[in-house]
Amino acid sequence: MKQPPKSKVAVPGEAASSQPALWPKLAIELGPLLVFFAGNAVAGIYAGTAAFMVATLISLAVARLRYHKLPVMPLVSGVIVLMFGGLTLYLRDDTFIKLKPTIVYSMFAVLLAVGLLLKKPLLELLFGPVFALTEEGWRKLTVRWAAFFVAMAVVNEIVWRNFSTDAWVSFKAFGFLPLTFLFALAQVPLMHRHGEPPRTEAGDPEAEERT
């Protein structure tokens, strides 16, 4: 008698054990922004910028020690923080640190667009081991993220040019990340629609029976 295919049952302990791993990641990504906000609130934009640079270096070092590698996007963002933060402090002109998000988002948008033109979606290179999407799925997801990065660059320009420095710092610390999270959440239906079916090995009787 053939045994029914075994289904994987979620173990409560597994779900619970995955939760703590989220907090270090959030701390690494959010920490420098919160330090920037606090430094600006206490001592002004230049002190906040200096604290932001130090916190960014610390977060990159912690990420390297914890994950044994540096994620591409935080690394690129960190390099630009140090570059534009240094110009801000050296020239005593906060325009440079305010331009940093515009530069980062524009750079990401251009890289994604170039990857599409070369028919090598960068998102697939970065997240292919985690998500299995069809070619059309990766293309649509890349187009959406490129458009999102362009929109965020425009939003940054509008905020820093039309509002106070304190308002811009607050928006950078508490606006950009929630918007990014909500946008990423909105892509889940697309990823479900264009998810690739699981690959089965030839000669696997259970797999052939399920198909």
Protein backbone atom coordinates (compact mmCIF):
# COMPACT_ATOMS: atom_id res chain seq x y z
CA MET A 1 0.00 0.00 0.00
CA LYS A 2 1.34 3.38 -0.95
CA GLN A 3 1.90 5.76 1.89
CA PRO A 4 0.34 9.23 1.48
CA PRO A 5 2.91 11.94 0.89
CA LYS A 6 4.22 13.45 4.05
CA SER A 7 3.39 17.08 4.63
CA LYS A 8 5.65 19.32 6.58
CA VAL A 9 4.03 20.46 9.79
CA ALA A 10 5.08 23.75 11.27
CA VAL A 11 6.67 23.31 14.66
CA PRO A 12 5.90 26.15 17.09
CA GLY A 13 9.43 26.07 18.42
CA GLU A 14 10.83 26.70 14.94
CA ALA A 15 8.68 29.80 14.42
CA ALA A 16 9.59 31.09 17.85
CA SER A 17 13.29 30.49 17.35
CA SER A 18 13.27 32.51 14.10
CA GLN A 19 11.90 35.59 15.81
CA PRO A 20 15.03 36.58 17.79
CA ALA A 21 17.09 36.56 14.58
CA LEU A 22 14.96 39.43 13.28
CA TRP A 23 15.91 41.81 16.08
CA PRO A 24 19.67 41.95 15.43
CA LYS A 25 18.96 42.64 11.75
CA LEU A 26 16.58 45.48 12.62
CA ALA A 27 19.08 46.86 15.15
CA ILE A 28 21.86 46.84 12.55
CA GLU A 29 19.72 48.66 9.98
CA LEU A 30 17.77 51.00 12.27
CA GLY A 31 20.50 51.77 14.80
CA PRO A 32 22.44 54.36 12.76
CA LEU A 33 19.22 56.19 11.78
CA LEU A 34 18.07 56.39 15.39
CA VAL A 35 21.50 57.62 16.43
CA PHE A 36 21.33 60.26 13.67
CA PHE A 37 17.90 61.40 14.89
CA ALA A 38 19.03 61.54 18.54
CA GLY A 39 22.29 63.35 17.73
CA ASN A 40 20.48 65.97 15.65
CA ALA A 41 17.85 66.48 18.35
CA VAL A 42 20.44 66.95 21.09
CA ALA A 43 23.29 68.83 19.39
CA GLY A 44 22.30 69.71 15.83
CA ILE A 45 22.83 68.37 12.33
CA TYR A 46 26.65 68.32 12.39
CA ALA A 47 26.88 66.38 15.64
CA GLY A 48 24.14 64.10 14.35
CA THR A 49 26.07 63.54 11.12
CA ALA A 50 29.25 62.63 13.00
CA ALA A 51 27.32 60.24 15.22
CA PHE A 52 25.63 58.80 12.12
CA MET A 53 29.00 58.06 10.53
CA VAL A 54 30.33 56.33 13.65
CA ALA A 55 27.12 54.32 14.10
CA THR A 56 27.24 53.28 10.43
CA LEU A 57 30.79 51.95 10.82
CA ILE A 58 29.77 50.06 13.95
CA SER A 59 26.69 48.56 12.26
CA LEU A 60 28.76 47.38 9.28
CA ALA A 61 31.33 45.82 11.62
CA VAL A 62 28.58 44.05 13.60
CA ALA A 63 26.97 42.81 10.37
CA ARG A 64 30.34 41.46 9.20
CA LEU A 65 30.95 39.66 12.49
CA ARG A 66 27.44 38.24 12.74
CA TYR A 67 26.77 37.22 9.14
CA HIS A 68 30.40 36.79 7.94
CA LYS A 69 29.65 39.06 4.98
CA LEU A 70 28.49 42.58 4.20
CA PRO A 71 25.12 42.91 2.41
CA VAL A 72 25.47 44.90 -0.80
CA MET A 73 22.85 47.59 -0.18
CA PRO A 74 23.91 48.50 3.39
CA LEU A 75 27.54 48.50 2.26
CA VAL A 76 26.87 50.91 -0.63
CA SER A 77 24.73 53.11 1.60
CA GLY A 78 27.42 53.08 4.30
CA VAL A 79 30.16 54.16 1.90
CA ILE A 80 28.03 57.09 0.71
CA VAL A 81 27.18 58.03 4.31
CA LEU A 82 30.89 58.28 5.09
CA MET A 83 31.64 60.19 1.90
CA PHE A 84 28.83 62.73 2.10
CA GLY A 85 28.97 62.91 5.88
CA GLY A 86 32.67 63.76 5.64
CA LEU A 87 31.92 66.52 3.13
CA THR A 88 29.17 67.84 5.40
CA LEU A 89 31.52 68.12 8.36
CA TYR A 90 34.52 69.40 6.41
CA LEU A 91 32.62 72.10 4.51
CA ARG A 92 30.08 72.75 7.29
CA ASP A 93 27.31 72.38 4.73
CA ASP A 94 24.43 70.03 5.54
CA THR A 95 23.36 69.90 1.89
CA PHE A 96 25.68 66.95 1.32
CA ILE A 97 24.17 64.67 3.98
CA LYS A 98 20.69 65.64 2.78
CA LEU A 99 21.62 64.62 -0.75
CA LYS A 100 22.82 61.20 0.38
CA PRO A 101 19.42 59.42 0.17
CA THR A 102 18.81 60.91 -3.28
CA ILE A 103 22.16 59.61 -4.51
CA VAL A 104 21.65 56.15 -2.99
CA TYR A 105 18.12 55.67 -4.29
CA SER A 106 19.05 56.98 -7.74
CA MET A 107 22.06 54.66 -7.88
CA PHE A 108 19.95 51.63 -6.98
CA ALA A 109 17.34 52.58 -9.60
CA VAL A 110 20.01 52.94 -12.30
CA LEU A 111 21.65 49.62 -11.39
CA LEU A 112 18.30 47.82 -11.57
CA ALA A 113 17.49 49.46 -14.91
CA VAL A 114 20.88 48.50 -16.36
CA GLY A 115 20.36 44.92 -15.18
CA LEU A 116 17.03 44.81 -17.01
CA LEU A 117 18.59 46.13 -20.21
CA LEU A 118 21.28 43.46 -19.98
CA LYS A 119 18.59 40.85 -19.22
CA LYS A 120 20.29 40.09 -15.90
CA PRO A 121 17.91 41.27 -13.16
CA LEU A 122 20.05 42.18 -10.17
CA LEU A 123 17.29 41.24 -7.76
CA GLU A 124 17.50 37.67 -9.02
CA LEU A 125 21.27 37.66 -8.41
CA LEU A 126 20.76 38.97 -4.87
CA PHE A 127 17.66 37.06 -3.80
CA GLY A 128 17.57 34.09 -6.18
CA PRO A 129 18.77 31.67 -3.47
CA VAL A 130 15.87 32.82 -1.25
CA PHE A 131 12.95 33.29 -3.67
CA ALA A 132 12.09 31.19 -6.71
CA LEU A 133 10.35 33.36 -9.30
CA THR A 134 9.75 33.02 -13.01
CA GLU A 135 11.68 35.20 -15.44
CA GLU A 136 8.62 37.43 -15.86
CA GLY A 137 8.27 37.65 -12.08
CA TRP A 138 11.84 38.85 -11.60
CA ARG A 139 11.39 41.37 -14.42
CA LYS A 140 8.18 42.83 -13.00
CA LEU A 141 9.60 42.92 -9.48
CA THR A 142 12.72 44.70 -10.71
CA VAL A 143 10.68 47.29 -12.61
CA ARG A 144 8.60 47.99 -9.52
CA TRP A 145 11.61 48.39 -7.23
CA ALA A 146 13.38 50.64 -9.73
CA ALA A 147 10.27 52.86 -9.91
CA PHE A 148 10.05 52.84 -6.11
CA PHE A 149 13.66 53.97 -5.73
CA VAL A 150 13.07 56.79 -8.21
CA ALA A 151 9.99 57.87 -6.25
CA MET A 152 11.92 57.81 -2.96
CA ALA A 153 14.69 59.94 -4.48
CA VAL A 154 12.06 62.48 -5.55
CA VAL A 155 10.42 62.41 -2.12
CA ASN A 156 13.77 63.07 -0.44
CA GLU A 157 14.38 66.06 -2.70
CA ILE A 158 10.93 67.47 -1.91
CA VAL A 159 11.32 67.04 1.85
CA TRP A 160 14.81 68.48 2.32
CA ARG A 161 14.24 71.41 -0.04
CA ASN A 162 10.89 72.45 1.41
CA PHE A 163 11.01 71.59 5.10
CA SER A 164 13.27 72.25 8.05
CA THR A 165 16.36 70.19 8.79
CA ASP A 166 14.69 68.69 11.87
CA ALA A 167 11.66 67.67 9.79
CA TRP A 168 13.92 66.06 7.18
CA VAL A 169 15.89 64.12 9.82
CA SER A 170 12.64 62.91 11.40
CA PHE A 171 11.32 61.79 8.02
CA LYS A 172 14.60 60.04 7.21
CA ALA A 173 14.54 58.18 10.52
CA PHE A 174 10.84 57.31 10.68
CA GLY A 175 9.52 57.71 7.14
CA PHE A 176 11.80 56.02 4.66
CA LEU A 177 11.97 52.62 6.39
CA PRO A 178 8.20 52.20 6.97
CA LEU A 179 7.53 53.20 3.35
CA THR A 180 10.08 50.63 2.17
CA PHE A 181 8.57 47.94 4.39
CA LEU A 182 5.03 48.66 3.17
CA PHE A 183 6.16 48.63 -0.45
CA ALA A 184 7.96 45.31 0.03
CA LEU A 185 4.83 43.88 1.67
CA ALA A 186 2.75 45.03 -1.30
CA GLN A 187 4.94 42.90 -3.61
CA VAL A 188 4.00 39.62 -1.92
CA PRO A 189 0.97 38.96 -4.21
CA LEU A 190 3.14 39.42 -7.29
CA MET A 191 5.72 37.01 -5.91
CA HIS A 192 3.00 34.45 -5.23
CA ARG A 193 1.58 34.81 -8.74
CA HIS A 194 4.97 34.37 -10.39
CA GLY A 195 6.50 31.81 -8.06
CA GLU A 196 8.13 28.88 -9.84
CA PRO A 197 6.70 25.42 -9.09
CA PRO A 198 9.03 23.28 -6.96
CA ARG A 199 11.50 21.29 -9.03
CA THR A 200 11.24 17.49 -8.75
CA GLU A 201 14.03 15.04 -9.33
CA ALA A 202 13.56 12.45 -12.08
CA GLY A 203 12.81 9.01 -10.78
CA ASP A 204 11.29 10.22 -7.50
CA PRO A 205 8.12 8.10 -7.20
CA GLU A 206 6.57 10.32 -4.54
CA ALA A 207 7.15 13.45 -6.63
CA GLU A 208 5.73 11.81 -9.75
CA GLU A 209 2.69 10.64 -7.82
CA ARG A 210 2.02 14.15 -6.47
CA THR A 211 2.24 15.65 -9.96
